[in-house]
C-alpha atoms as a PDB file:
ATOM      1  CA  UNK A   1     117.060 140.267 109.532  1.00  0.00           C
ATOM      2  CA  UNK A   2     118.159 138.466 106.313  1.00  0.00           C
ATOM      3  CA  UNK A   3     116.164 135.620 105.970  1.00  0.00           C
ATOM      4  CA  UNK A   4     117.198 133.990 102.763  1.00  0.00           C
ATOM      5  CA  UNK A   5     120.192 132.111 103.143  1.00  0.00           C
ATOM      6  CA  UNK A   6     121.564 132.174 107.089  1.00  0.00           C
ATOM      7  CA  UNK A   7     121.294 129.344 108.952  1.00  0.00           C
ATOM      8  CA  UNK A   8     120.101 129.806 112.345  1.00  0.00           C
ATOM      9  CA  UNK A   9     121.371 127.748 115.376  1.00  0.00           C
ATOM     10  CA  UNK A  10     118.681 128.647 117.396  1.00  0.00           C
ATOM     11  CA  UNK A  11     116.418 126.575 114.905  1.00  0.00           C
ATOM     12  CA  UNK A  12     118.813 123.929 115.222  1.00  0.00           C
ATOM     13  CA  UNK A  13     117.506 123.982 118.791  1.00  0.00           C
ATOM     14  CA  UNK A  14     113.609 124.110 118.381  1.00  0.00           C
ATOM     15  CA  UNK A  15     114.349 121.095 115.872  1.00  0.00           C
ATOM     16  CA  UNK A  16     116.280 119.132 118.875  1.00  0.00           C
ATOM     17  CA  UNK A  17     113.445 120.028 121.442  1.00  0.00           C
ATOM     18  CA  UNK A  18     110.611 119.319 118.711  1.00  0.00           C
ATOM     19  CA  UNK A  19     112.245 115.579 118.259  1.00  0.00           C
ATOM     20  CA  UNK A  20     112.607 114.678 121.851  1.00  0.00           C
ATOM     21  CA  UNK A  21     109.674 116.699 122.769  1.00  0.00           C
ATOM     22  CA  UNK A  22     107.306 114.204 120.211  1.00  0.00           C
ATOM     23  CA  UNK A  23     109.475 111.397 121.501  1.00  0.00           C
ATOM     24  CA  UNK A  24     108.721 111.967 125.412  1.00  0.00           C
ATOM     25  CA  UNK A  25     105.338 112.683 124.788  1.00  0.00           C
ATOM     26  CA  UNK A  26     104.357 109.247 123.170  1.00  0.00           C
ATOM     27  CA  UNK A  27     106.464 107.589 125.350  1.00  0.00           C
ATOM     28  CA  UNK A  28     103.771 108.859 128.249  1.00  0.00           C
ATOM     29  CA  UNK A  29     101.018 108.687 125.879  1.00  0.00           C
ATOM     30  CA  UNK A  30     101.779 105.049 124.913  1.00  0.00           C
ATOM     31  CA  UNK A  31     103.270 103.741 128.196  1.00  0.00           C
ATOM     32  CA  UNK A  32     100.940 105.451 131.041  1.00  0.00           C
ATOM     33  CA  UNK A  33      97.824 106.197 128.543  1.00  0.00           C
ATOM     34  CA  UNK A  34      98.589 109.856 128.966  1.00  0.00           C
ATOM     35  CA  UNK A  35      95.852 112.136 127.000  1.00  0.00           C
ATOM     36  CA  UNK A  36      97.871 115.094 128.438  1.00  0.00           C
ATOM     37  CA  UNK A  37     101.148 114.126 126.768  1.00  0.00           C
ATOM     38  CA  UNK A  38      99.291 113.029 123.418  1.00  0.00           C
ATOM     39  CA  UNK A  39      97.735 116.499 123.231  1.00  0.00           C
ATOM     40  CA  UNK A  40     101.140 117.649 123.089  1.00  0.00           C
ATOM     41  CA  UNK A  41     102.853 115.964 121.018  1.00  0.00           C
ATOM     42  CA  UNK A  42     100.457 117.526 118.188  1.00  0.00           C
ATOM     43  CA  UNK A  43     102.238 120.453 119.025  1.00  0.00           C
ATOM     44  CA  UNK A  44     106.038 119.472 118.885  1.00  0.00           C
ATOM     45  CA  UNK A  45     104.889 117.622 115.402  1.00  0.00           C
ATOM     46  CA  UNK A  46     103.489 120.687 114.305  1.00  0.00           C
ATOM     47  CA  UNK A  47     107.174 122.690 114.693  1.00  0.00           C
ATOM     48  CA  UNK A  48     108.614 120.054 112.282  1.00  0.00           C
ATOM     49  CA  UNK A  49     106.206 121.436 109.593  1.00  0.00           C
ATOM     50  CA  UNK A  50     106.930 125.113 110.037  1.00  0.00           C
ATOM     51  CA  UNK A  51     110.482 124.444 110.141  1.00  0.00           C
ATOM     52  CA  UNK A  52     110.244 122.602 107.197  1.00  0.00           C
ATOM     53  CA  UNK A  53     109.006 125.097 104.735  1.00  0.00           C
ATOM     54  CA  UNK A  54     111.313 128.081 106.428  1.00  0.00           C
ATOM     55  CA  UNK A  55     114.497 125.738 106.206  1.00  0.00           C
ATOM     56  CA  UNK A  56     113.589 124.435 102.498  1.00  0.00           C
ATOM     57  CA  UNK A  57     112.814 128.031 100.947  1.00  0.00           C
ATOM     58  CA  UNK A  58     116.477 128.806  99.459  1.00  0.00           C
ATOM     59  CA  UNK A  59     116.306 125.225  97.603  1.00  0.00           C
ATOM     60  CA  UNK A  60     112.522 126.050  96.849  1.00  0.00           C
ATOM     61  CA  UNK A  61     113.417 129.537  95.271  1.00  0.00           C
ATOM     62  CA  UNK A  62     116.504 127.835  93.480  1.00  0.00           C
ATOM     63  CA  UNK A  63     113.891 125.455  91.641  1.00  0.00           C
ATOM     64  CA  UNK A  64     111.415 128.525  90.853  1.00  0.00           C
ATOM     65  CA  UNK A  65     114.669 130.503  89.494  1.00  0.00           C
ATOM     66  CA  UNK A  66     115.740 127.055  87.188  1.00  0.00           C
ATOM     67  CA  UNK A  67     114.135 124.526  86.664  1.00  0.00           C
ATOM     68  CA  UNK A  68     116.485 122.420  86.344  1.00  0.00           C
ATOM     69  CA  UNK A  69     117.312 122.349  89.688  1.00  0.00           C
ATOM     70  CA  UNK A  70     113.805 120.448  90.643  1.00  0.00           C
ATOM     71  CA  UNK A  71     115.803 117.141  89.891  1.00  0.00           C
ATOM     72  CA  UNK A  72     118.576 118.293  92.263  1.00  0.00           C
ATOM     73  CA  UNK A  73     115.836 119.013  94.790  1.00  0.00           C
ATOM     74  CA  UNK A  74     114.238 115.917  94.610  1.00  0.00           C
ATOM     75  CA  UNK A  75     117.633 113.952  95.111  1.00  0.00           C
ATOM     76  CA  UNK A  76     118.798 115.914  98.069  1.00  0.00           C
ATOM     77  CA  UNK A  77     115.340 115.360  99.805  1.00  0.00           C
ATOM     78  CA  UNK A  78     115.087 111.942  98.855  1.00  0.00           C
ATOM     79  CA  UNK A  79     118.951 110.764  99.467  1.00  0.00           C
ATOM     80  CA  UNK A  80     118.148 112.451 103.004  1.00  0.00           C
ATOM     81  CA  UNK A  81     115.068 111.428 104.122  1.00  0.00           C
ATOM     82  CA  UNK A  82     114.355 107.416 102.554  1.00  0.00           C
ATOM     83  CA  UNK A  83     117.060 105.628 103.381  1.00  0.00           C
ATOM     84  CA  UNK A  84     117.095 105.667 107.554  1.00  0.00           C
ATOM     85  CA  UNK A  85     113.256 105.802 106.995  1.00  0.00           C
ATOM     86  CA  UNK A  86     112.725 102.248 104.805  1.00  0.00           C
ATOM     87  CA  UNK A  87     115.660 101.127 107.602  1.00  0.00           C
ATOM     88  CA  UNK A  88     113.069 101.966 110.207  1.00  0.00           C
ATOM     89  CA  UNK A  89     110.163 100.866 108.486  1.00  0.00           C
ATOM     90  CA  UNK A  90     111.255  97.382 107.759  1.00  0.00           C
ATOM     91  CA  UNK A  91     112.571  96.816 111.733  1.00  0.00           C
ATOM     92  CA  UNK A  92     109.367  98.039 112.664  1.00  0.00           C
ATOM     93  CA  UNK A  93     107.186  95.636 110.187  1.00  0.00           C
ATOM     94  CA  UNK A  94     109.493  92.605 110.964  1.00  0.00           C
ATOM     95  CA  UNK A  95     108.590  93.362 115.004  1.00  0.00           C
ATOM     96  CA  UNK A  96     104.638  93.613 114.361  1.00  0.00           C
ATOM     97  CA  UNK A  97     104.572  90.651 111.883  1.00  0.00           C
ATOM     98  CA  UNK A  98     104.035  92.994 108.600  1.00  0.00           C
ATOM     99  CA  UNK A  99     107.198  92.753 106.693  1.00  0.00           C
ATOM    100  CA  UNK A 100     106.089  92.957 102.820  1.00  0.00           C
ATOM    101  CA  UNK A 101     102.120  93.346 103.837  1.00  0.00           C
ATOM    102  CA  UNK A 102      99.941  95.444 102.029  1.00  0.00           C
ATOM    103  CA  UNK A 103     100.514  97.558 105.127  1.00  0.00           C
ATOM    104  CA  UNK A 104     103.996  97.688 104.279  1.00  0.00           C
ATOM    105  CA  UNK A 105     103.695  98.759 100.568  1.00  0.00           C
ATOM    106  CA  UNK A 106     101.014 101.598 102.214  1.00  0.00           C
ATOM    107  CA  UNK A 107     103.856 102.881 104.317  1.00  0.00           C
ATOM    108  CA  UNK A 108     106.272 102.696 102.171  1.00  0.00           C
ATOM    109  CA  UNK A 109     104.974 104.437  98.986  1.00  0.00           C
ATOM    110  CA  UNK A 110     103.658 107.073 101.994  1.00  0.00           C
ATOM    111  CA  UNK A 111      99.789 106.707 100.910  1.00  0.00           C
ATOM    112  CA  UNK A 112      98.724 105.159 104.291  1.00  0.00           C
ATOM    113  CA  UNK A 113      96.759 108.519 104.911  1.00  0.00           C
ATOM    114  CA  UNK A 114      95.711 109.076 101.188  1.00  0.00           C
ATOM    115  CA  UNK A 115      91.775 107.926 103.172  1.00  0.00           C
ATOM    116  CA  UNK A 116      90.486 107.413 106.423  1.00  0.00           C
ATOM    117  CA  UNK A 117      91.312 104.410 107.604  1.00  0.00           C
ATOM    118  CA  UNK A 118      93.105 103.241 104.775  1.00  0.00           C
ATOM    119  CA  UNK A 119      95.491 100.637 106.524  1.00  0.00           C
ATOM    120  CA  UNK A 120      94.141  97.637 108.519  1.00  0.00           C
ATOM    121  CA  UNK A 121      96.722  97.874 111.171  1.00  0.00           C
ATOM    122  CA  UNK A 122      98.439 101.384 111.834  1.00  0.00           C
ATOM    123  CA  UNK A 123     101.700 100.329 113.408  1.00  0.00           C
ATOM    124  CA  UNK A 124     103.763 102.919 112.585  1.00  0.00           C
ATOM    125  CA  UNK A 125     101.266 106.125 113.184  1.00  0.00           C
ATOM    126  CA  UNK A 126     104.496 108.902 113.378  1.00  0.00           C
ATOM    127  CA  UNK A 127     104.713 108.300 109.461  1.00  0.00           C
ATOM    128  CA  UNK A 128     101.752 110.142 108.559  1.00  0.00           C
ATOM    129  CA  UNK A 129     103.606 113.634 109.018  1.00  0.00           C
ATOM    130  CA  UNK A 130     106.662 112.014 106.862  1.00  0.00           C
ATOM    131  CA  UNK A 131     103.799 111.514 104.472  1.00  0.00           C
ATOM    132  CA  UNK A 132     102.894 115.067 104.117  1.00  0.00           C
ATOM    133  CA  UNK A 133     106.448 116.322 104.092  1.00  0.00           C
ATOM    134  CA  UNK A 134     107.418 113.557 101.079  1.00  0.00           C
ATOM    135  CA  UNK A 135     104.196 114.749  98.483  1.00  0.00           C
ATOM    136  CA  UNK A 136     104.776 118.416  99.679  1.00  0.00           C
ATOM    137  CA  UNK A 137     108.848 118.007  98.480  1.00  0.00           C
ATOM    138  CA  UNK A 138     107.184 116.239  95.448  1.00  0.00           C
ATOM    139  CA  UNK A 139     104.186 118.059  94.325  1.00  0.00           C
ATOM    140  CA  UNK A 140     105.177 121.892  95.428  1.00  0.00           C
ATOM    141  CA  UNK A 141     108.110 122.591  93.718  1.00  0.00           C
ATOM    142  CA  UNK A 142     105.963 121.631  89.998  1.00  0.00           C
ATOM    143  CA  UNK A 143     103.803 124.244  91.861  1.00  0.00           C
ATOM    144  CA  UNK A 144     105.937 126.877  91.845  1.00  0.00           C
ATOM    145  CA  UNK A 145     107.403 126.538  88.476  1.00  0.00           C
ATOM    146  CA  UNK A 146     103.617 126.694  87.460  1.00  0.00           C
ATOM    147  CA  UNK A 147     102.729 129.811  89.219  1.00  0.00           C
ATOM    148  CA  UNK A 148     106.373 131.755  87.954  1.00  0.00           C
ATOM    149  CA  UNK A 149     107.673 134.502  89.565  1.00  0.00           C
ATOM    150  CA  UNK A 150     105.440 137.445  88.605  1.00  0.00           C
ATOM    151  CA  UNK A 151     103.553 138.049  91.641  1.00  0.00           C
ATOM    152  CA  UNK A 152     104.626 134.994  93.342  1.00  0.00           C
ATOM    153  CA  UNK A 153     103.399 136.058  96.939  1.00  0.00           C
ATOM    154  CA  UNK A 154      99.997 136.892  95.511  1.00  0.00           C
ATOM    155  CA  UNK A 155      99.823 133.513  94.070  1.00  0.00           C
ATOM    156  CA  UNK A 156     101.151 131.467  96.863  1.00  0.00           C
ATOM    157  CA  UNK A 157      98.386 133.166  99.045  1.00  0.00           C
ATOM    158  CA  UNK A 158      95.735 132.035  96.946  1.00  0.00           C
ATOM    159  CA  UNK A 159      96.860 129.028  96.638  1.00  0.00           C
ATOM    160  CA  UNK A 160      96.934 129.092 100.875  1.00  0.00           C
ATOM    161  CA  UNK A 161      93.528 130.179 100.684  1.00  0.00           C
ATOM    162  CA  UNK A 162      92.357 126.978  98.074  1.00  0.00           C
ATOM    163  CA  UNK A 163      93.680 124.621 100.891  1.00  0.00           C
ATOM    164  CA  UNK A 164      91.596 126.482 103.411  1.00  0.00           C
ATOM    165  CA  UNK A 165      88.742 126.655 101.296  1.00  0.00           C
ATOM    166  CA  UNK A 166      88.825 122.755 100.786  1.00  0.00           C
ATOM    167  CA  UNK A 167      89.705 122.325 104.429  1.00  0.00           C
ATOM    168  CA  UNK A 168      86.564 124.314 105.437  1.00  0.00           C
ATOM    169  CA  UNK A 169      84.042 122.704 103.005  1.00  0.00           C
ATOM    170  CA  UNK A 170      84.978 119.193 103.688  1.00  0.00           C
ATOM    171  CA  UNK A 171      85.271 119.169 107.249  1.00  0.00           C
ATOM    172  CA  UNK A 172      82.205 117.416 108.238  1.00  0.00           C
ATOM    173  CA  UNK A 173      83.180 114.288 106.039  1.00  0.00           C
ATOM    174  CA  UNK A 174      86.472 113.369 108.154  1.00  0.00           C
ATOM    175  CA  UNK A 175      86.890 112.745 111.770  1.00  0.00           C
ATOM    176  CA  UNK A 176      89.270 114.544 113.808  1.00  0.00           C
ATOM    177  CA  UNK A 177      92.463 112.464 113.333  1.00  0.00           C
ATOM    178  CA  UNK A 178      92.208 112.360 109.551  1.00  0.00           C
ATOM    179  CA  UNK A 179      91.344 116.037 109.193  1.00  0.00           C
ATOM    180  CA  UNK A 180      94.738 116.708 111.456  1.00  0.00           C
ATOM    181  CA  UNK A 181      97.030 113.576 109.705  1.00  0.00           C
ATOM    182  CA  UNK A 182      95.584 113.376 106.103  1.00  0.00           C
ATOM    183  CA  UNK A 183      98.285 113.567 103.417  1.00  0.00           C
ATOM    184  CA  UNK A 184      96.642 116.224 101.448  1.00  0.00           C
ATOM    185  CA  UNK A 185      95.173 117.804 104.056  1.00  0.00           C
ATOM    186  CA  UNK A 186      98.219 119.525 106.033  1.00  0.00           C
ATOM    187  CA  UNK A 187     100.272 121.211 102.816  1.00  0.00           C
ATOM    188  CA  UNK A 188      99.201 124.536 104.526  1.00  0.00           C
ATOM    189  CA  UNK A 189     101.239 123.817 107.631  1.00  0.00           C
ATOM    190  CA  UNK A 190     104.369 123.772 105.477  1.00  0.00           C
ATOM    191  CA  UNK A 191     103.927 126.508 103.085  1.00  0.00           C
ATOM    192  CA  UNK A 192     103.147 129.196 106.674  1.00  0.00           C
ATOM    193  CA  UNK A 193     106.836 128.035 107.203  1.00  0.00           C
ATOM    194  CA  UNK A 194     108.013 128.665 103.266  1.00  0.00           C
ATOM    195  CA  UNK A 195     105.794 132.275 103.519  1.00  0.00           C
ATOM    196  CA  UNK A 196     107.304 133.356 106.768  1.00  0.00           C
ATOM    197  CA  UNK A 197     110.712 133.134 104.888  1.00  0.00           C
ATOM    198  CA  UNK A 198     109.176 134.801 101.813  1.00  0.00           C
ATOM    199  CA  UNK A 199     108.198 137.955 102.962  1.00  0.00           C
ATOM    200  CA  UNK A 200     109.135 138.309 106.669  1.00  0.00           C
ATOM    201  CA  UNK A 201     112.365 140.247 106.424  1.00  0.00           C
ATOM    202  CA  UNK A 202     112.002 142.120 110.234  1.00  0.00           C
ATOM    203  CA  UNK A 203     110.020 141.256 113.245  1.00  0.00           C
ATOM    204  CA  UNK A 204     111.905 141.940 116.517  1.00  0.00           C
ATOM    205  CA  UNK A 205     109.730 142.957 119.103  1.00  0.00           C
ATOM    206  CA  UNK A 206     111.188 140.131 121.850  1.00  0.00           C
ATOM    207  CA  UNK A 207     108.571 141.218 124.184  1.00  0.00           C
ATOM    208  CA  UNK A 208     105.747 141.168 122.008  1.00  0.00           C
ATOM    209  CA  UNK A 209     106.618 137.659 120.703  1.00  0.00           C
ATOM    210  CA  UNK A 210     107.815 136.195 124.160  1.00  0.00           C
ATOM    211  CA  UNK A 211     104.212 137.220 125.957  1.00  0.00           C
ATOM    212  CA  UNK A 212     102.144 135.966 122.410  1.00  0.00           C
ATOM    213  CA  UNK A 213     104.118 132.825 123.165  1.00  0.00           C
ATOM    214  CA  UNK A 214     102.968 132.639 126.769  1.00  0.00           C
ATOM    215  CA  UNK A 215      99.276 133.131 126.522  1.00  0.00           C
ATOM    216  CA  UNK A 216      99.243 131.161 123.302  1.00  0.00           C
ATOM    217  CA  UNK A 217     100.759 127.759 125.036  1.00  0.00           C
ATOM    218  CA  UNK A 218      98.246 128.454 128.218  1.00  0.00           C
ATOM    219  CA  UNK A 219      95.550 129.198 125.910  1.00  0.00           C
ATOM    220  CA  UNK A 220      96.475 125.593 124.290  1.00  0.00           C
ATOM    221  CA  UNK A 221      96.781 124.147 127.774  1.00  0.00           C
ATOM    222  CA  UNK A 222      93.006 125.968 129.128  1.00  0.00           C
ATOM    223  CA  UNK A 223      91.337 124.289 125.734  1.00  0.00           C
ATOM    224  CA  UNK A 224      92.729 120.881 126.274  1.00  0.00           C
ATOM    225  CA  UNK A 225      89.868 119.302 127.707  1.00  0.00           C
ATOM    226  CA  UNK A 226      87.452 120.760 125.062  1.00  0.00           C
ATOM    227  CA  UNK A 227      89.627 119.622 122.329  1.00  0.00           C
ATOM    228  CA  UNK A 228      90.049 116.270 123.669  1.00  0.00           C
ATOM    229  CA  UNK A 229      86.051 115.784 125.125  1.00  0.00           C
ATOM    230  CA  UNK A 230      84.719 117.757 121.705  1.00  0.00           C
ATOM    231  CA  UNK A 231      87.228 116.410 119.154  1.00  0.00           C
ATOM    232  CA  UNK A 232      84.193 116.026 116.686  1.00  0.00           C
ATOM    233  CA  UNK A 233      82.804 119.463 116.690  1.00  0.00           C
ATOM    234  CA  UNK A 234      83.631 120.916 113.505  1.00  0.00           C
ATOM    235  CA  UNK A 235      84.616 124.298 115.014  1.00  0.00           C
ATOM    236  CA  UNK A 236      87.077 122.036 117.294  1.00  0.00           C
ATOM    237  CA  UNK A 237      88.437 120.702 114.343  1.00  0.00           C
ATOM    238  CA  UNK A 238      89.558 123.872 112.657  1.00  0.00           C
ATOM    239  CA  UNK A 239      90.287 125.359 115.422  1.00  0.00           C
ATOM    240  CA  UNK A 240      92.598 123.408 116.898  1.00  0.00           C
ATOM    241  CA  UNK A 241      94.692 123.081 113.896  1.00  0.00           C
ATOM    242  CA  UNK A 242      94.660 126.588 113.182  1.00  0.00           C
ATOM    243  CA  UNK A 243      96.266 127.278 116.861  1.00  0.00           C
ATOM    244  CA  UNK A 244      98.693 124.817 116.651  1.00  0.00           C
ATOM    245  CA  UNK A 245      99.865 126.580 113.495  1.00  0.00           C
ATOM    246  CA  UNK A 246      99.764 129.883 114.983  1.00  0.00           C
ATOM    247  CA  UNK A 247     101.611 128.989 118.071  1.00  0.00           C
ATOM    248  CA  UNK A 248     104.401 127.472 115.954  1.00  0.00           C
ATOM    249  CA  UNK A 249     104.609 130.758 113.822  1.00  0.00           C
ATOM    250  CA  UNK A 250     105.097 132.389 117.060  1.00  0.00           C
ATOM    251  CA  UNK A 251     107.866 129.521 118.650  1.00  0.00           C
ATOM    252  CA  UNK A 252     109.983 129.836 115.409  1.00  0.00           C
ATOM    253  CA  UNK A 253     109.555 133.606 115.173  1.00  0.00           C
ATOM    254  CA  UNK A 254     111.034 133.698 119.176  1.00  0.00           C
ATOM    255  CA  UNK A 255     113.618 131.529 118.746  1.00  0.00           C
ATOM    256  CA  UNK A 256     115.080 133.148 115.419  1.00  0.00           C
ATOM    257  CA  UNK A 257     114.787 136.431 117.543  1.00  0.00           C
ATOM    258  CA  UNK A 258     116.807 135.212 120.240  1.00  0.00           C
ATOM    259  CA  UNK A 259     119.245 134.105 117.508  1.00  0.00           C
ATOM    260  CA  UNK A 260     122.218 136.005 119.294  1.00  0.00           C
ATOM    261  CA  UNK A 261     121.451 134.592 122.947  1.00  0.00           C
ATOM    262  CA  UNK A 262     120.735 131.266 121.871  1.00  0.00           C
ATOM    263  CA  UNK A 263     123.794 130.509 119.819  1.00  0.00           C
ATOM    264  CA  UNK A 264     126.577 130.766 121.973  1.00  0.00           C
ATOM    265  CA  UNK A 265     129.635 129.037 121.149  1.00  0.00           C
ATOM    266  CA  UNK A 266     129.736 126.665 124.316  1.00  0.00           C
ATOM    267  CA  UNK A 267     126.053 125.555 123.399  1.00  0.00           C
ATOM    268  CA  UNK A 268     126.487 125.189 119.549  1.00  0.00           C
ATOM    269  CA  UNK A 269     127.693 121.912 119.630  1.00  0.00           C
ATOM    270  CA  UNK A 270     125.028 120.644 121.853  1.00  0.00           C
ATOM    271  CA  UNK A 271     122.761 122.318 119.489  1.00  0.00           C
ATOM    272  CA  UNK A 272     124.036 120.628 116.611  1.00  0.00           C
ATOM    273  CA  UNK A 273     124.043 117.129 118.118  1.00  0.00           C
ATOM    274  CA  UNK A 274     120.655 117.145 119.201  1.00  0.00           C
ATOM    275  CA  UNK A 275     119.355 118.774 115.156  1.00  0.00           C
ATOM    276  CA  UNK A 276     121.509 115.863 113.702  1.00  0.00           C
ATOM    277  CA  UNK A 277     119.790 113.073 115.614  1.00  0.00           C
ATOM    278  CA  UNK A 278     116.154 114.566 115.178  1.00  0.00           C
ATOM    279  CA  UNK A 279     115.326 112.658 112.339  1.00  0.00           C
ATOM    280  CA  UNK A 280     116.695 109.086 113.550  1.00  0.00           C
ATOM    281  CA  UNK A 281     114.956 110.087 117.198  1.00  0.00           C
ATOM    282  CA  UNK A 282     111.472 110.857 115.201  1.00  0.00           C
ATOM    283  CA  UNK A 283     111.579 107.551 113.049  1.00  0.00           C
ATOM    284  CA  UNK A 284     113.087 105.054 116.001  1.00  0.00           C
ATOM    285  CA  UNK A 285     111.432 106.715 119.147  1.00  0.00           C
ATOM    286  CA  UNK A 286     108.161 103.997 118.351  1.00  0.00           C
ATOM    287  CA  UNK A 287     110.285 101.139 118.267  1.00  0.00           C
ATOM    288  CA  UNK A 288     112.332 101.281 121.012  1.00  0.00           C
ATOM    289  CA  UNK A 289     109.123 102.344 123.189  1.00  0.00           C
ATOM    290  CA  UNK A 290     107.614  98.910 121.628  1.00  0.00           C
ATOM    291  CA  UNK A 291     110.795  97.393 122.822  1.00  0.00           C
ATOM    292  CA  UNK A 292     110.289  98.458 126.099  1.00  0.00           C
ATOM    293  CA  UNK A 293     106.713  97.559 126.472  1.00  0.00           C
ATOM    294  CA  UNK A 294     107.423  94.517 125.960  1.00  0.00           C
ATOM    295  CA  UNK A 295     110.013  93.911 127.868  1.00  0.00           C
ATOM    296  CA  UNK A 296     108.212  95.431 130.652  1.00  0.00           C
ATOM    297  CA  UNK A 297     110.523  98.762 131.084  1.00  0.00           C
ATOM    298  CA  UNK A 298     107.865 100.817 132.384  1.00  0.00           C
ATOM    299  CA  UNK A 299     108.458 101.613 136.369  1.00  0.00           C
ATOM    300  CA  UNK A 300     110.506 104.403 138.040  1.00  0.00           C
ATOM    301  CA  UNK A 301     113.267 105.811 135.585  1.00  0.00           C
ATOM    302  CA  UNK A 302     111.641 104.480 132.702  1.00  0.00           C
ATOM    303  CA  UNK A 303     111.508 107.918 130.656  1.00  0.00           C
ATOM    304  CA  UNK A 304     114.980 108.756 131.927  1.00  0.00           C
ATOM    305  CA  UNK A 305     116.160 105.174 130.381  1.00  0.00           C
ATOM    306  CA  UNK A 306     114.429 105.800 127.572  1.00  0.00           C
ATOM    307  CA  UNK A 307     115.840 109.198 126.493  1.00  0.00           C
ATOM    308  CA  UNK A 308     119.074 107.668 127.289  1.00  0.00           C
ATOM    309  CA  UNK A 309     118.924 104.714 125.084  1.00  0.00           C
ATOM    310  CA  UNK A 310     117.465 106.844 122.429  1.00  0.00           C
ATOM    311  CA  UNK A 311     119.853 109.146 122.378  1.00  0.00           C
ATOM    312  CA  UNK A 312     122.785 106.773 122.385  1.00  0.00           C
ATOM    313  CA  UNK A 313     120.712 104.699 119.256  1.00  0.00           C
ATOM    314  CA  UNK A 314     119.928 107.896 117.563  1.00  0.00           C
ATOM    315  CA  UNK A 315     123.611 108.862 117.286  1.00  0.00           C
ATOM    316  CA  UNK A 316     124.640 105.517 116.281  1.00  0.00           C
ATOM    317  CA  UNK A 317     122.102 105.804 113.601  1.00  0.00           C
ATOM    318  CA  UNK A 318     123.103 109.362 112.326  1.00  0.00           C
ATOM    319  CA  UNK A 319     126.720 108.325 112.184  1.00  0.00           C
ATOM    320  CA  UNK A 320     126.610 105.034 110.478  1.00  0.00           C
ATOM    321  CA  UNK A 321     123.580 105.591 108.592  1.00  0.00           C
ATOM    322  CA  UNK A 322     122.495 108.973 107.929  1.00  0.00           C
ATOM    323  CA  UNK A 323     126.366 110.289 107.517  1.00  0.00           C
ATOM    324  CA  UNK A 324     127.061 107.463 104.883  1.00  0.00           C
ATOM    325  CA  UNK A 325     124.056 109.228 102.427  1.00  0.00           C
ATOM    326  CA  UNK A 326     124.792 112.355 103.042  1.00  0.00           C
ATOM    327  CA  UNK A 327     128.597 112.754 102.508  1.00  0.00           C
ATOM    328  CA  UNK A 328     127.723 110.715  98.877  1.00  0.00           C
ATOM    329  CA  UNK A 329     124.896 112.888  98.248  1.00  0.00           C
ATOM    330  CA  UNK A 330     127.172 115.529  96.250  1.00  0.00           C
ATOM    331  CA  UNK A 331     128.364 113.174  94.287  1.00  0.00           C
ATOM    332  CA  UNK A 332     124.884 111.731  93.145  1.00  0.00           C
ATOM    333  CA  UNK A 333     123.562 115.145  92.655  1.00  0.00           C
ATOM    334  CA  UNK A 334     126.670 115.878  90.289  1.00  0.00           C
END
């Protein structure tokens, strides 16, 4: 397998599943107070991190090969992520009466999870993952340039080991939520995706991967009560984050190894559509949940109504807000 430049349609499917998986889990967590769905939402969010590192590999290598590409990398990432984020942040801030408040500014500059309890009102909680992504975009390319090409794999593995070292020695200083969502605690999640594409050139034991995925999800489900009830135990905090990273690796490898089966021409358009919607789904679904809660749309068939409305709204956001910026991106980068 060539992991360097190929576009994997199977990962489009994984991205779409992750986006709607997070949204549906959050709907049940917020509307029906379900700890079960909240627990599984953590896993879907984690998939985004490893996907991000894996997909960004070619762009990051271009920065490594020529540091002049650093500004191009920044422009590409920020034109892709910032416009829709600002739009959704303004909408939800108006809804909560927080527009231009101190909390709003913390969200706007992605610093809301720099420290525990840094916000007085965490009204847009999903942005913790985007903050990790944005600061990874900002910092890691510079780290790559600093490390240089010689013995790069060893240096990145050492960098990852340093992250884990600090995560272990500081584990008792933070609660389980911040340990999972703190901006500088989770660089390792994206870095693992980058490393997968860096040195894994062949791993095609489909049976092994399917069995591994099945048993890892089974273990994840089996330890649900322990993680929820004993989440402030230091060992539980560390093993929980490690487990969702391992499951994410297995899941990504499984989808890639079933690329030929998954990427049939008949389903290609569907994968492409839900993949394009993913960012809109992720940023807008809490706004829709808030509206539905206010309107009392929480009865029978509320989940189906939620998904259908989210599908329509996310499609509109993609074609009328995201796509125009994607189209002008080549001109601005040039």
